[in-house]
Amino acid sequence: MSEHKEQPLSATTFEPAPIAASSVATEETKAVQRPAVLGLGLAGLLLLFVFFVLPSLVAPDDPTQVGAITDNNAGTAEGSSYPSTAGATPDVGEGRSPFAEAQESALRREAQEILQALLSKQSALESLGAARWAETTYGDALEQAALGDTAYRERDFEQAIASYQAGVEQLEALEQGLPGRIDALLATLTQAIEAGDLMAAQARLSELVEMAPADSRLVDLSERVSALPQVIGSLEAAALAEAEGDYVAAVNNAEVATQADPLHLRAQRRLSELQRALTDQRFTAAMTAGYAALAQAEFERAKDQFEAAARLQPGAPEPSAALAELDQARTQARLLSIRGQTERAEREERWQDAIALFNEALAIDALILYANEGMARARPRADLDERLEAIVTEKNRLIDRRVLRLAQETLDEAQRVPSPGTRLQRQIMAASATIDYATTPVTIEMNSDGLTDITVLRVQRLGLIQQQILTLRPGTYTAVGMRNGFRDVRIQFEVKPGQLNAVDVRCVEAI
């Protein structure tokens, strides 16, 4: 904008300048000098033409068509007011034809019409504050109007038309450029809002209200400017909380800013940034807590923390890597635990338990060394343990010589074990006692009726006897008696050392 101040253009009345009286006097003087008769005749004809014919040819147009176009403030270049010339008689000068006068009248009317258009545009633009936002162009248009006025008073209507038209074109250019100016002002206003420049935003809003009072965007923009203090204050509070590391408070304040002005892009951007920062802070805290729990072998708590971190940042590689590390640590911890349990089971000679634990370890890692080596130790000892226990619990089977031989072999095997534990020592003693018991002969008296054929299973056939003394090793035996015409009998008896052993076998139930 230029720095000079425009003056509004207002209406004034323009009329042709008055006719000069000297021309008539000159003609009259010349007529006196002619011969009297000729002079009187010519003078009479001239007077008739001047007073009756010429006025009808050069009379001004309807005075109502000469617009009131006074500008009391614009004036000439010196600032003077335009004087009114209404009612003045046109100057019919010597030698001017009716055609020339008619052309002049037409040009005057054209000048007035263009001036009216200029005044209309000037009035509309003045109400929109053009003198402020288009000072130079608007002032130039008024200067063109002043030049036109000067030319009009001098009856130079062609120049008046040109000047008025130049002014109209300048004002039209302002009108055509107004949407662009409004858009630019809107952009500047938006920039001031985004920058948090309250004074600039208020100033641009006032300008916009003046320039485009009917613009539908003014309501929203006015609300945004009114909300700007809240937005600025909340963003400043968010920045302070961020500096203190309190991202929860920072996010809360940024949310207040976006609620005050949902269209504020900087507030939205800050909210997003702070939300990400809060998420990052929580993510880091979860990962830290997870690794702390992992170091303390609190696997479930570590898992919860790592999974929480994964939810905070889906797709982040750190939680996945941590969970894999957790699984490995959990596996190692389990293998270590199993190893401890197997060592305790071996010390306590709980070989079956040790085998089960070794199998569990091998299911986790088939190549784990301690489990493979431990299995090689535990299986033979578990088998020996089982066989030693069977000698005692199934001692009656020792009457079978094959079973007795296997029991003795088992006992021998056990006695060869280096550094036997308490359990094995007890088993060896029990097995040895059982074998001694089973191999100590016991006298038994077999009685019958001499009619029954008797067989002691797995020992010998006694035949038809009435009484016979046998020497048997302790154990449970079965005697079978048979007699023609009678039902067979089976008698199971136990032979024990240190007691009277007598068995009666006879068939007495006829068939």
Protein backbone atom coordinates (compact mmCIF):
# COMPACT_ATOMS: atom_id res chain seq x y z
CA MET A 1 0.00 0.00 0.00
CA SER A 2 1.05 3.55 -0.64
CA GLU A 3 1.33 5.89 2.25
CA HIS A 4 -0.91 8.75 1.04
CA LYS A 5 -4.52 8.85 2.21
CA GLU A 6 -7.35 8.72 -0.28
CA GLN A 7 -10.31 11.12 -0.19
CA PRO A 8 -13.67 9.69 -1.08
CA LEU A 9 -15.20 10.75 -4.38
CA SER A 10 -18.64 12.41 -4.10
CA ALA A 11 -20.97 13.95 -6.66
CA THR A 12 -20.84 17.49 -8.13
CA THR A 13 -22.83 19.14 -10.88
CA PHE A 14 -21.03 19.86 -14.08
CA GLU A 15 -22.35 22.39 -16.69
CA PRO A 16 -20.78 23.99 -19.75
CA ALA A 17 -18.95 27.28 -19.21
CA PRO A 18 -20.86 30.61 -20.01
CA ILE A 19 -20.62 32.18 -23.45
CA ALA A 20 -18.23 35.09 -23.83
CA ALA A 21 -20.07 38.40 -24.65
CA SER A 22 -17.20 39.92 -26.61
CA SER A 23 -17.94 38.06 -29.80
CA VAL A 24 -21.39 39.64 -30.25
CA ALA A 25 -20.02 43.11 -29.57
CA THR A 26 -17.37 42.65 -32.19
CA GLU A 27 -19.87 41.66 -34.83
CA GLU A 28 -22.06 44.64 -34.03
CA THR A 29 -19.12 47.04 -34.37
CA LYS A 30 -18.27 45.64 -37.78
CA ALA A 31 -21.88 45.96 -38.92
CA VAL A 32 -21.96 49.69 -38.13
CA GLN A 33 -19.03 50.27 -40.37
CA ARG A 34 -20.88 48.79 -43.39
CA PRO A 35 -23.35 50.63 -45.36
CA ALA A 36 -26.40 51.37 -43.29
CA VAL A 37 -28.94 49.43 -45.26
CA LEU A 38 -26.83 46.36 -45.79
CA GLY A 39 -25.67 46.46 -42.22
CA LEU A 40 -29.12 46.65 -40.83
CA GLY A 41 -30.22 43.68 -42.96
CA LEU A 42 -27.36 41.48 -42.00
CA ALA A 43 -27.70 42.41 -38.38
CA GLY A 44 -31.31 41.51 -38.43
CA LEU A 45 -30.64 38.12 -39.95
CA LEU A 46 -27.90 37.42 -37.42
CA LEU A 47 -30.07 38.32 -34.50
CA LEU A 48 -32.86 36.08 -35.79
CA PHE A 49 -30.40 33.15 -36.12
CA VAL A 50 -28.85 33.69 -32.67
CA PHE A 51 -32.05 34.12 -30.74
CA PHE A 52 -34.38 31.68 -32.51
CA VAL A 53 -32.48 29.02 -34.44
CA LEU A 54 -29.21 28.43 -32.64
CA PRO A 55 -30.65 27.84 -29.13
CA SER A 56 -32.67 24.92 -30.38
CA LEU A 57 -29.52 23.31 -31.83
CA VAL A 58 -27.12 23.77 -28.90
CA ALA A 59 -29.45 23.63 -25.89
CA PRO A 60 -28.14 21.32 -23.14
CA ASP A 61 -29.59 17.87 -22.55
CA ASP A 62 -32.12 17.26 -19.84
CA PRO A 63 -30.55 18.74 -16.70
CA THR A 64 -31.63 15.72 -14.76
CA GLN A 65 -29.17 13.61 -16.79
CA VAL A 66 -26.25 15.60 -15.48
CA GLY A 67 -25.46 13.61 -12.34
CA ALA A 68 -24.72 15.13 -9.01
CA ILE A 69 -21.03 14.08 -8.81
CA THR A 70 -19.55 16.50 -6.34
CA ASP A 71 -16.51 15.42 -4.33
CA ASN A 72 -16.15 17.98 -1.60
CA ASN A 73 -12.94 16.37 -0.41
CA ALA A 74 -11.23 15.29 -3.62
CA GLY A 75 -11.26 18.56 -5.58
CA THR A 76 -8.44 19.45 -7.87
CA ALA A 77 -4.80 18.67 -7.35
CA GLU A 78 -4.75 21.67 -5.00
CA GLY A 79 -7.74 20.33 -3.04
CA SER A 80 -10.23 23.03 -4.06
CA SER A 81 -13.96 22.31 -4.50
CA TYR A 82 -15.51 22.17 -7.90
CA PRO A 83 -17.83 25.16 -8.50
CA SER A 84 -21.30 24.49 -9.83
CA THR A 85 -22.05 25.79 -13.31
CA ALA A 86 -25.66 24.70 -13.55
CA GLY A 87 -27.87 26.92 -15.76
CA ALA A 88 -24.99 28.50 -17.68
CA THR A 89 -25.61 29.20 -21.33
CA PRO A 90 -23.46 27.21 -23.75
CA ASP A 91 -20.89 29.17 -25.66
CA VAL A 92 -21.88 29.05 -29.26
CA GLY A 93 -18.71 30.47 -30.69
CA GLU A 94 -18.23 31.87 -34.12
CA GLY A 95 -18.16 29.25 -36.77
CA ARG A 96 -19.42 26.30 -34.63
CA SER A 97 -21.87 24.11 -36.45
CA PRO A 98 -24.91 22.42 -34.97
CA PHE A 99 -23.20 19.07 -35.70
CA ALA A 100 -20.17 19.99 -33.57
CA GLU A 101 -22.42 21.07 -30.79
CA ALA A 102 -24.34 17.82 -30.97
CA GLN A 103 -21.06 15.83 -30.82
CA GLU A 104 -20.01 17.77 -27.78
CA SER A 105 -23.35 17.11 -26.08
CA ALA A 106 -22.98 13.37 -26.77
CA LEU A 107 -19.47 13.31 -25.35
CA ARG A 108 -20.68 15.16 -22.27
CA ARG A 109 -23.40 12.59 -21.68
CA GLU A 110 -20.91 9.73 -22.13
CA ALA A 111 -18.55 11.35 -19.64
CA GLN A 112 -21.39 11.64 -17.13
CA GLU A 113 -22.39 7.99 -17.57
CA ILE A 114 -18.83 6.78 -17.04
CA LEU A 115 -18.52 9.04 -14.01
CA GLN A 116 -21.67 7.56 -12.53
CA ALA A 117 -20.18 4.05 -12.96
CA LEU A 118 -16.98 5.25 -11.34
CA LEU A 119 -18.88 6.70 -8.39
CA SER A 120 -20.84 3.45 -7.91
CA LYS A 121 -17.70 1.33 -7.82
CA GLN A 122 -15.93 3.85 -5.62
CA SER A 123 -18.77 3.80 -3.10
CA ALA A 124 -18.87 -0.01 -2.97
CA LEU A 125 -15.11 -0.31 -2.54
CA GLU A 126 -14.99 2.45 0.05
CA SER A 127 -17.48 0.50 2.21
CA LEU A 128 -15.10 -2.47 2.02
CA GLY A 129 -12.14 -0.40 3.23
CA ALA A 130 -10.34 -0.17 -0.10
CA ALA A 131 -8.73 3.08 1.04
CA ARG A 132 -6.84 0.99 3.59
CA TRP A 133 -5.94 -2.21 1.77
CA ALA A 134 -5.47 -0.74 -1.73
CA GLU A 135 -4.28 2.76 -0.91
CA THR A 136 -2.18 3.32 -3.99
CA THR A 137 -4.53 1.93 -6.62
CA TYR A 138 -7.59 3.42 -4.96
CA GLY A 139 -5.89 6.82 -4.71
CA ASP A 140 -4.81 6.62 -8.35
CA ALA A 141 -8.42 5.99 -9.35
CA LEU A 142 -9.55 9.09 -7.43
CA GLU A 143 -6.79 11.12 -9.08
CA GLN A 144 -8.04 9.97 -12.47
CA ALA A 145 -11.52 11.11 -11.46
CA ALA A 146 -10.11 14.51 -10.47
CA LEU A 147 -8.32 14.79 -13.82
CA GLY A 148 -11.58 13.93 -15.54
CA ASP A 149 -13.36 16.61 -13.56
CA THR A 150 -10.80 19.19 -14.65
CA ALA A 151 -11.12 18.17 -18.28
CA TYR A 152 -14.91 18.25 -18.00
CA ARG A 153 -14.92 21.83 -16.67
CA GLU A 154 -12.65 22.76 -19.56
CA ARG A 155 -15.14 21.13 -21.95
CA ASP A 156 -12.50 18.59 -22.97
CA PHE A 157 -15.00 15.76 -22.78
CA GLU A 158 -12.84 13.27 -24.63
CA GLN A 159 -10.12 13.69 -22.02
CA ALA A 160 -12.74 13.57 -19.27
CA ILE A 161 -14.03 10.26 -20.69
CA ALA A 162 -10.50 8.86 -20.86
CA SER A 163 -9.71 9.86 -17.28
CA TYR A 164 -13.01 8.63 -15.89
CA GLN A 165 -12.62 5.36 -17.80
CA ALA A 166 -9.10 4.94 -16.44
CA GLY A 167 -10.48 5.40 -12.94
CA VAL A 168 -13.25 2.87 -13.60
CA GLU A 169 -10.75 0.33 -14.90
CA GLN A 170 -8.58 0.76 -11.84
CA LEU A 171 -11.55 0.24 -9.53
CA GLU A 172 -12.68 -2.74 -11.60
CA ALA A 173 -9.24 -4.20 -11.21
CA LEU A 174 -9.60 -3.81 -7.45
CA GLU A 175 -13.00 -5.53 -7.58
CA GLN A 176 -11.63 -8.41 -9.64
CA GLY A 177 -8.68 -8.80 -7.35
CA LEU A 178 -10.81 -8.73 -4.20
CA PRO A 179 -11.36 -12.55 -3.97
CA GLY A 180 -7.63 -13.08 -4.21
CA ARG A 181 -7.00 -10.46 -1.52
CA ILE A 182 -9.59 -12.14 0.69
CA ASP A 183 -7.97 -15.55 0.17
CA ALA A 184 -4.56 -14.11 0.94
CA LEU A 185 -5.90 -12.44 4.07
CA LEU A 186 -7.53 -15.70 5.11
CA ALA A 187 -4.19 -17.45 4.66
CA THR A 188 -2.42 -14.78 6.71
CA LEU A 189 -5.07 -15.04 9.42
CA THR A 190 -4.71 -18.81 9.52
CA GLN A 191 -0.94 -18.48 9.74
CA ALA A 192 -1.29 -16.07 12.67
CA ILE A 193 -3.63 -18.52 14.44
CA GLU A 194 -1.23 -21.40 13.87
CA ALA A 195 1.70 -19.27 15.04
CA GLY A 196 -0.18 -18.27 18.18
CA ASP A 197 0.12 -14.56 17.30
CA LEU A 198 -3.05 -13.30 18.97
CA MET A 199 -2.61 -9.60 18.07
CA ALA A 200 -1.92 -10.36 14.42
CA ALA A 201 -4.86 -12.77 14.28
CA GLN A 202 -7.22 -10.20 15.78
CA ALA A 203 -5.97 -7.52 13.36
CA ARG A 204 -6.36 -9.78 10.32
CA LEU A 205 -9.83 -10.83 11.49
CA SER A 206 -10.90 -7.17 11.76
CA GLU A 207 -9.59 -6.52 8.26
CA LEU A 208 -11.40 -9.53 6.92
CA VAL A 209 -14.67 -8.49 8.57
CA GLU A 210 -14.34 -5.11 6.81
CA MET A 211 -13.26 -6.55 3.46
CA ALA A 212 -15.70 -9.48 3.31
CA PRO A 213 -18.45 -8.95 5.88
CA ALA A 214 -20.71 -11.58 4.32
CA ASP A 215 -18.08 -14.33 4.06
CA SER A 216 -19.44 -17.55 5.56
CA ARG A 217 -16.02 -18.44 6.97
CA LEU A 218 -15.98 -15.54 9.38
CA VAL A 219 -17.98 -17.37 12.08
CA ASP A 220 -15.53 -20.26 12.36
CA LEU A 221 -12.52 -17.97 12.12
CA SER A 222 -13.91 -15.70 14.81
CA GLU A 223 -14.40 -18.72 17.10
CA ARG A 224 -10.83 -19.85 16.40
CA VAL A 225 -9.42 -16.43 17.25
CA SER A 226 -11.51 -16.35 20.46
CA ALA A 227 -10.14 -19.78 21.40
CA LEU A 228 -6.54 -18.80 20.65
CA PRO A 229 -5.65 -17.68 24.22
CA GLN A 230 -6.75 -21.09 25.51
CA VAL A 231 -4.79 -22.84 22.79
CA ILE A 232 -1.65 -20.81 23.49
CA GLY A 233 -1.88 -21.32 27.26
CA SER A 234 -2.48 -25.06 26.98
CA LEU A 235 0.41 -25.55 24.55
CA GLU A 236 2.74 -23.60 26.84
CA ALA A 237 1.65 -25.77 29.78
CA ALA A 238 2.23 -28.88 27.65
CA ALA A 239 5.75 -27.70 26.79
CA LEU A 240 6.54 -27.09 30.47
CA ALA A 241 5.26 -30.55 31.46
CA GLU A 242 7.29 -32.10 28.64
CA ALA A 243 10.44 -30.38 29.88
CA GLU A 244 9.79 -31.88 33.31
CA GLY A 245 9.31 -35.34 31.82
CA ASP A 246 5.63 -35.46 32.78
CA TYR A 247 4.25 -36.66 29.48
CA VAL A 248 0.88 -37.54 30.94
CA ALA A 249 0.31 -33.89 31.92
CA ALA A 250 1.78 -32.76 28.60
CA VAL A 251 -0.67 -34.91 26.65
CA ASN A 252 -3.58 -33.74 28.79
CA ASN A 253 -2.75 -30.08 28.13
CA ALA A 254 -2.31 -30.69 24.41
CA GLU A 255 -5.72 -32.38 24.36
CA VAL A 256 -7.23 -29.26 25.95
CA ALA A 257 -5.67 -27.18 23.16
CA THR A 258 -7.11 -29.39 20.42
CA GLN A 259 -10.51 -29.37 22.08
CA ALA A 260 -10.47 -25.57 22.21
CA ASP A 261 -9.64 -25.42 18.49
CA PRO A 262 -10.04 -28.77 16.69
CA LEU A 263 -8.71 -27.17 13.48
CA HIS A 264 -5.43 -25.98 15.01
CA LEU A 265 -2.86 -28.00 13.10
CA ARG A 266 0.07 -27.16 15.37
CA ALA A 267 -1.92 -28.24 18.43
CA GLN A 268 -2.84 -31.47 16.66
CA ARG A 269 0.78 -32.03 15.70
CA ARG A 270 1.99 -31.36 19.24
CA LEU A 271 -0.63 -33.73 20.63
CA SER A 272 0.54 -36.46 18.27
CA GLU A 273 4.18 -35.82 19.18
CA LEU A 274 3.48 -35.88 22.90
CA GLN A 275 1.34 -39.00 22.60
CA ARG A 276 4.21 -40.72 20.81
CA ALA A 277 6.62 -39.50 23.49
CA LEU A 278 4.31 -40.82 26.22
CA THR A 279 4.03 -44.13 24.41
CA ASP A 280 7.81 -44.29 24.05
CA GLN A 281 8.21 -43.51 27.74
CA ARG A 282 5.76 -46.25 28.72
CA PHE A 283 7.38 -48.61 26.23
CA THR A 284 10.81 -48.03 27.73
CA ALA A 285 9.46 -48.46 31.25
CA ALA A 286 7.80 -51.76 30.33
CA MET A 287 10.92 -53.10 28.67
CA THR A 288 13.06 -52.06 31.64
CA ALA A 289 10.67 -53.70 34.11
CA GLY A 290 10.60 -56.83 31.95
CA TYR A 291 14.36 -57.22 31.93
CA ALA A 292 14.50 -56.56 35.66
CA ALA A 293 11.99 -59.35 36.23
CA LEU A 294 13.93 -61.58 33.83
CA ALA A 295 17.12 -61.04 35.81
CA GLN A 296 15.27 -62.22 38.92
CA ALA A 297 13.89 -65.25 37.07
CA GLU A 298 10.35 -63.87 37.50
CA PHE A 299 9.36 -65.15 34.12
CA GLU A 300 5.63 -64.52 34.25
CA ARG A 301 6.08 -60.90 35.34
CA ALA A 302 8.71 -60.44 32.64
CA LYS A 303 6.36 -61.90 30.06
CA ASP A 304 3.56 -59.53 31.11
CA GLN A 305 5.86 -56.51 30.79
CA PHE A 306 7.25 -57.51 27.38
CA GLU A 307 3.76 -58.20 26.05
CA ALA A 308 2.61 -54.81 27.36
CA ALA A 309 5.49 -53.18 25.49
CA ALA A 310 4.48 -55.03 22.33
CA ARG A 311 0.94 -53.67 22.63
CA LEU A 312 2.27 -50.13 23.04
CA GLN A 313 4.34 -50.35 19.87
CA PRO A 314 2.93 -53.06 17.60
CA GLY A 315 5.56 -54.38 15.26
CA ALA A 316 8.48 -53.10 17.30
CA PRO A 317 11.34 -55.65 17.22
CA GLU A 318 12.44 -55.15 20.84
CA PRO A 319 9.52 -56.93 22.56
CA SER A 320 9.77 -59.89 20.18
CA ALA A 321 13.48 -60.21 20.84
CA ALA A 322 12.89 -59.90 24.58
CA LEU A 323 10.19 -62.58 24.52
CA ALA A 324 12.53 -64.90 22.62
CA GLU A 325 15.21 -64.18 25.19
CA LEU A 326 12.66 -64.86 27.89
CA ASP A 327 11.80 -68.23 26.39
CA GLN A 328 15.46 -69.12 26.21
CA ALA A 329 16.04 -68.02 29.78
CA ARG A 330 12.97 -69.92 30.92
CA THR A 331 14.24 -73.02 29.12
CA GLN A 332 17.68 -72.70 30.59
CA ALA A 333 16.20 -72.16 34.00
CA ARG A 334 14.02 -75.24 33.59
CA LEU A 335 16.96 -77.35 32.41
CA LEU A 336 19.00 -76.09 35.32
CA SER A 337 16.15 -76.91 37.67
CA ILE A 338 15.82 -80.38 36.19
CA ARG A 339 19.53 -80.93 36.59
CA GLY A 340 19.32 -80.04 40.24
CA GLN A 341 16.35 -82.35 40.74
CA THR A 342 18.10 -85.23 38.96
CA GLU A 343 21.19 -84.78 41.08
CA ARG A 344 19.05 -84.93 44.18
CA ALA A 345 17.17 -87.97 42.86
CA GLU A 346 20.44 -89.74 42.14
CA ARG A 347 21.78 -88.96 45.59
CA GLU A 348 18.57 -90.32 47.07
CA GLU A 349 18.70 -93.31 44.70
CA ARG A 350 15.27 -92.49 43.28
CA TRP A 351 16.23 -93.82 39.92
CA GLN A 352 12.81 -93.88 38.35
CA ASP A 353 12.30 -90.24 39.29
CA ALA A 354 15.71 -89.44 37.83
CA ILE A 355 14.80 -91.17 34.57
CA ALA A 356 11.57 -89.17 34.32
CA LEU A 357 13.46 -85.92 34.85
CA PHE A 358 16.11 -86.83 32.31
CA ASN A 359 13.38 -87.60 29.80
CA GLU A 360 11.86 -84.16 30.44
CA ALA A 361 15.21 -82.50 29.85
CA LEU A 362 15.80 -84.46 26.66
CA ALA A 363 12.35 -83.48 25.41
CA ILE A 364 13.49 -79.86 25.69
CA ASP A 365 16.92 -80.46 24.22
CA ALA A 366 17.75 -83.91 22.91
CA LEU A 367 21.45 -83.08 22.81
CA ILE A 368 21.84 -81.82 26.34
CA LEU A 369 24.87 -83.58 27.76
CA TYR A 370 24.01 -84.01 31.42
CA ALA A 371 20.68 -85.60 30.57
CA ASN A 372 22.21 -88.12 28.16
CA GLU A 373 24.95 -89.02 30.58
CA GLY A 374 22.55 -89.18 33.49
CA MET A 375 20.20 -91.43 31.58
CA ALA A 376 23.07 -93.84 30.95
CA ARG A 377 23.60 -94.03 34.74
CA ALA A 378 20.03 -94.06 35.87
CA ARG A 379 18.58 -96.77 33.68
CA PRO A 380 20.85 -99.63 34.91
CA ARG A 381 20.47 -98.54 38.51
CA ALA A 382 16.71 -98.30 38.15
CA ASP A 383 16.62 -101.81 36.74
CA LEU A 384 18.84 -103.12 39.55
CA ASP A 385 16.69 -101.34 42.11
CA GLU A 386 13.57 -102.96 40.70
CA ARG A 387 15.10 -106.44 40.67
CA LEU A 388 16.40 -106.09 44.24
CA GLU A 389 12.97 -105.02 45.42
CA ALA A 390 11.39 -107.99 43.64
CA ILE A 391 13.67 -110.44 45.47
CA VAL A 392 12.15 -109.38 48.75
CA THR A 393 8.59 -108.78 47.67
CA GLU A 394 8.39 -111.98 45.63
CA LYS A 395 10.50 -114.27 47.83
CA ASN A 396 8.10 -117.18 47.42
CA ARG A 397 9.14 -117.35 43.80
CA LEU A 398 12.62 -118.28 44.92
CA ILE A 399 11.55 -121.87 45.27
CA ASP A 400 12.03 -121.88 41.52
CA ARG A 401 15.67 -122.65 41.00
CA ARG A 402 15.89 -120.39 37.92
CA VAL A 403 14.38 -117.52 39.86
CA LEU A 404 16.71 -118.20 42.75
CA ARG A 405 19.69 -118.18 40.42
CA LEU A 406 18.63 -114.85 38.93
CA ALA A 407 18.17 -113.42 42.42
CA GLN A 408 21.64 -114.48 43.38
CA GLU A 409 23.03 -112.88 40.22
CA THR A 410 21.19 -109.69 41.03
CA LEU A 411 22.62 -109.70 44.52
CA ASP A 412 26.11 -110.21 43.16
CA GLU A 413 25.61 -107.32 40.75
CA ALA A 414 24.48 -105.06 43.52
CA GLN A 415 27.42 -105.95 45.68
CA ARG A 416 29.77 -104.88 42.88
CA VAL A 417 28.38 -101.34 42.72
CA PRO A 418 31.06 -98.95 43.95
CA SER A 419 30.18 -96.67 46.81
CA PRO A 420 26.63 -97.91 47.24
CA GLY A 421 24.20 -95.54 48.76
CA THR A 422 22.08 -96.11 51.81
CA ARG A 423 19.17 -97.45 49.82
CA LEU A 424 21.32 -99.90 47.87
CA GLN A 425 23.03 -101.10 51.00
CA ARG A 426 19.65 -101.75 52.59
CA GLN A 427 18.47 -103.53 49.45
CA ILE A 428 21.58 -105.71 49.39
CA MET A 429 21.06 -106.70 53.01
CA ALA A 430 17.37 -107.45 52.41
CA ALA A 431 18.06 -109.45 49.25
CA SER A 432 20.84 -111.38 50.89
CA ALA A 433 18.61 -112.23 53.84
CA THR A 434 15.83 -113.29 51.56
CA ILE A 435 18.10 -115.53 49.54
CA ASP A 436 19.51 -117.07 52.72
CA TYR A 437 15.97 -117.68 53.89
CA ALA A 438 15.02 -119.19 50.56
CA THR A 439 18.00 -121.52 50.48
CA THR A 440 17.73 -122.86 54.07
CA PRO A 441 16.14 -126.41 54.01
CA VAL A 442 13.00 -126.99 56.03
CA THR A 443 11.63 -130.44 56.99
CA ILE A 444 8.03 -131.06 56.04
CA GLU A 445 5.79 -134.08 56.75
CA MET A 446 3.53 -135.22 53.94
CA ASN A 447 0.53 -137.40 55.01
CA SER A 448 -2.04 -139.31 52.86
CA ASP A 449 -4.25 -142.44 52.74
CA GLY A 450 -2.03 -144.57 50.52
CA LEU A 451 -4.72 -144.37 47.83
CA THR A 452 -4.03 -140.94 46.50
CA ASP A 453 -1.28 -140.31 43.98
CA ILE A 454 0.54 -137.16 45.26
CA THR A 455 2.80 -134.75 43.33
CA VAL A 456 4.49 -131.67 44.78
CA LEU A 457 4.60 -129.33 41.79
CA ARG A 458 8.05 -128.20 40.66
CA VAL A 459 9.58 -130.53 43.29
CA GLN A 460 8.78 -134.21 42.75
CA ARG A 461 6.11 -136.93 42.50
CA LEU A 462 5.59 -138.76 45.79
CA GLY A 463 3.10 -141.37 44.53
CA LEU A 464 0.83 -143.39 46.87
CA ILE A 465 2.02 -142.70 50.36
CA GLN A 466 0.68 -142.61 53.81
CA GLN A 467 3.51 -140.50 55.22
CA GLN A 468 6.77 -139.11 53.92
CA ILE A 469 9.33 -136.60 55.17
CA LEU A 470 10.55 -134.00 52.67
CA THR A 471 13.23 -131.37 52.84
CA LEU A 472 12.14 -128.19 51.06
CA ARG A 473 13.37 -124.67 50.87
CA PRO A 474 11.06 -122.07 52.34
CA GLY A 475 8.37 -120.91 50.04
CA THR A 476 4.89 -121.59 48.82
CA TYR A 477 4.24 -124.93 47.22
CA THR A 478 1.31 -126.74 45.63
CA ALA A 479 0.54 -130.45 46.16
CA VAL A 480 -1.80 -132.23 43.72
CA GLY A 481 -3.64 -135.48 44.64
CA MET A 482 -5.34 -137.80 42.12
CA ARG A 483 -7.43 -141.01 42.61
CA ASN A 484 -9.55 -142.90 40.16
CA GLY A 485 -13.22 -142.36 40.74
CA PHE A 486 -12.58 -139.34 42.92
CA ARG A 487 -12.25 -135.68 42.35
CA ASP A 488 -8.64 -134.32 42.21
CA VAL A 489 -7.46 -132.07 44.99
CA ARG A 490 -4.95 -129.17 45.00
CA ILE A 491 -3.47 -128.03 48.24
CA GLN A 492 -1.24 -124.96 48.50
CA PHE A 493 1.01 -124.83 51.51
CA GLU A 494 3.81 -122.61 52.78
CA VAL A 495 7.07 -123.86 54.10
CA LYS A 496 8.58 -121.71 56.83
CA PRO A 497 11.70 -122.23 58.89
CA GLY A 498 11.34 -122.74 62.59
CA GLN A 499 7.87 -124.23 62.64
CA LEU A 500 6.19 -127.62 62.26
CA ASN A 501 5.26 -128.15 58.69
CA ALA A 502 2.77 -130.94 57.96
CA VAL A 503 0.55 -131.36 54.93
CA ASP A 504 -2.31 -133.87 54.42
CA VAL A 505 -3.27 -134.67 50.83
CA ARG A 506 -6.03 -137.22 49.94
CA CYS A 507 -8.93 -137.53 47.51
CA VAL A 508 -12.16 -138.24 49.36
CA GLU A 509 -14.92 -136.87 47.09
CA ALA A 510 -16.23 -139.63 44.84
CA ILE A 511 -17.26 -138.77 41.31
